[in-house]
Amino acid sequence: MIGECLAQQRTFGVVRALEEGLAEVGCTAEIVTVVKEYPDGRLDIVTEGRKRFELLGVNQERSFLQADVLMIDDEPEAPPQEAASRAIQLHSELLAIAGATPDLAAADPSALSFYLAGSLPLDLDF
């Protein structure tokens, strides 16, 4: 699958596996770079999440899962500055309690919620 994505410059989907199946929402991932290629064909890659999608149906005809999805359009505008500042402040306080250091230098204001949630040291079920 990754070989096809690299050859066709395509994204792939990431969906969380649950005990009772798959999560309803996933995220497309773009391959940013190939870090290492192994003789057996495996690759170490760096990816970056792009767009959320809703999983509509799964196809198991290939050696990897394929799915019908509905892309989720997120609101592209940045949150109000006061709300964003407060969220960043609370996020920093929470990370300090957990003993981590926040790094929001590269955070895109229109995707701030994803950066804040993604960097929290929490269990996925939370």
Protein backbone atom coordinates (compact mmCIF):
# COMPACT_ATOMS: atom_id res chain seq x y z
CA MET A 1 0.00 0.00 0.00
CA ILE A 2 2.75 2.45 0.93
CA GLY A 3 4.59 1.64 -2.31
CA GLU A 4 1.47 2.51 -4.29
CA CYS A 5 1.00 5.73 -2.34
CA LEU A 6 4.60 6.75 -3.01
CA ALA A 7 4.45 5.87 -6.72
CA GLN A 8 1.15 7.72 -7.23
CA GLN A 9 1.84 10.52 -4.71
CA ARG A 10 -1.39 9.66 -2.86
CA THR A 11 -2.46 9.83 0.74
CA PHE A 12 -3.73 6.84 2.71
CA GLY A 13 -6.20 6.54 5.54
CA VAL A 14 -5.55 5.81 9.18
CA VAL A 15 -8.40 4.42 11.29
CA ARG A 16 -8.15 3.31 14.89
CA ALA A 17 -8.74 -0.40 15.46
CA LEU A 18 -11.12 -1.11 18.33
CA GLU A 19 -11.92 -4.42 20.02
CA GLU A 20 -15.28 -4.47 18.25
CA GLY A 21 -14.10 -3.25 14.84
CA LEU A 22 -12.94 0.10 13.52
CA ALA A 23 -13.52 3.66 14.67
CA GLU A 24 -16.09 5.63 12.70
CA VAL A 25 -13.74 8.53 11.94
CA GLY A 26 -10.22 8.41 10.52
CA CYS A 27 -7.66 10.74 9.01
CA THR A 28 -5.83 10.82 5.72
CA ALA A 29 -2.05 10.77 6.03
CA GLU A 30 0.50 12.13 3.59
CA ILE A 31 3.94 10.55 3.39
CA VAL A 32 6.36 13.38 4.13
CA THR A 33 9.58 11.39 3.78
CA VAL A 34 10.98 7.88 3.63
CA VAL A 35 13.50 7.63 6.46
CA LYS A 36 14.84 4.15 5.75
CA GLU A 37 14.28 1.33 3.27
CA TYR A 38 14.90 -2.26 4.37
CA PRO A 39 16.02 -5.13 2.09
CA ASP A 40 12.71 -6.96 2.68
CA GLY A 41 10.69 -4.00 1.33
CA ARG A 42 9.63 -2.49 4.64
CA LEU A 43 9.96 1.27 5.08
CA ASP A 44 10.33 3.69 7.95
CA ILE A 45 8.24 6.72 6.97
CA VAL A 46 7.24 10.08 8.41
CA THR A 47 3.63 11.03 7.78
CA GLU A 48 1.44 14.02 8.47
CA GLY A 49 -2.32 13.95 9.00
CA ARG A 50 -4.37 15.90 6.49
CA LYS A 51 -8.17 15.54 6.44
CA ARG A 52 -10.69 13.74 8.61
CA PHE A 53 -13.16 11.30 7.11
CA GLU A 54 -16.12 9.18 8.15
CA LEU A 55 -15.81 5.47 7.42
CA LEU A 56 -18.81 4.29 5.38
CA GLY A 57 -17.77 0.77 4.41
CA VAL A 58 -14.72 -1.49 4.32
CA ASN A 59 -13.45 -3.56 1.41
CA GLN A 60 -11.16 -6.52 2.19
CA GLU A 61 -10.35 -7.63 -1.38
CA ARG A 62 -6.66 -6.64 -1.19
CA SER A 63 -3.90 -7.44 1.30
CA PHE A 64 -4.75 -4.15 3.03
CA LEU A 65 -8.13 -2.67 3.89
CA GLN A 66 -9.75 -0.18 1.56
CA ALA A 67 -12.81 1.86 2.41
CA ASP A 68 -15.57 4.07 1.14
CA VAL A 69 -15.32 7.33 3.05
CA LEU A 70 -17.05 10.68 3.37
CA MET A 71 -14.59 13.53 3.79
CA ILE A 72 -15.34 15.85 6.72
CA ASP A 73 -14.99 19.53 5.93
CA ASP A 74 -13.54 21.30 8.93
CA GLU A 75 -14.14 24.99 9.47
CA PRO A 76 -11.04 26.67 7.99
CA GLU A 77 -11.05 29.84 10.02
CA ALA A 78 -8.90 30.38 13.10
CA PRO A 79 -10.66 30.59 16.47
CA PRO A 80 -11.14 34.00 18.10
CA GLN A 81 -7.80 35.20 19.52
CA GLU A 82 -9.07 35.37 23.12
CA ALA A 83 -10.40 31.80 23.00
CA ALA A 84 -7.22 30.52 21.33
CA SER A 85 -5.00 32.22 23.92
CA ARG A 86 -7.04 30.74 26.77
CA ALA A 87 -6.93 27.24 25.22
CA ILE A 88 -3.15 27.49 24.77
CA GLN A 89 -2.72 28.68 28.37
CA LEU A 90 -4.78 25.79 29.78
CA HIS A 91 -3.01 23.34 27.48
CA SER A 92 0.39 24.55 28.70
CA GLU A 93 -0.71 24.21 32.34
CA LEU A 94 -1.94 20.67 31.72
CA LEU A 95 1.30 19.65 30.01
CA ALA A 96 3.32 21.18 32.86
CA ILE A 97 1.38 19.02 35.35
CA ALA A 98 2.18 15.98 33.19
CA GLY A 99 5.86 16.96 33.06
CA ALA A 100 5.84 17.70 29.33
CA THR A 101 6.85 20.82 27.42
CA PRO A 102 4.44 22.34 24.92
CA ASP A 103 5.71 23.13 21.42
CA LEU A 104 3.09 25.08 19.51
CA ALA A 105 5.51 27.04 17.34
CA ALA A 106 4.41 25.24 14.17
CA ALA A 107 0.70 25.15 15.03
CA ASP A 108 -1.55 26.39 12.24
CA PRO A 109 -4.17 28.63 13.93
CA SER A 110 -6.97 27.11 11.84
CA ALA A 111 -6.03 23.61 13.11
CA LEU A 112 -5.21 24.61 16.68
CA SER A 113 -7.65 22.14 18.24
CA PHE A 114 -5.88 19.24 16.50
CA TYR A 115 -2.45 20.36 17.75
CA LEU A 116 -3.74 20.81 21.29
CA ALA A 117 -5.52 17.44 21.45
CA GLY A 118 -2.77 15.56 19.62
CA SER A 119 -0.04 16.62 22.01
CA LEU A 120 -1.84 15.69 25.21
CA PRO A 121 -0.47 12.64 27.06
CA LEU A 122 -3.86 10.92 27.13
CA ASP A 123 -5.21 7.49 26.36
CA LEU A 124 -7.02 7.38 22.99
CA ASP A 125 -10.26 6.32 24.71
CA PHE A 126 -10.27 9.59 26.67
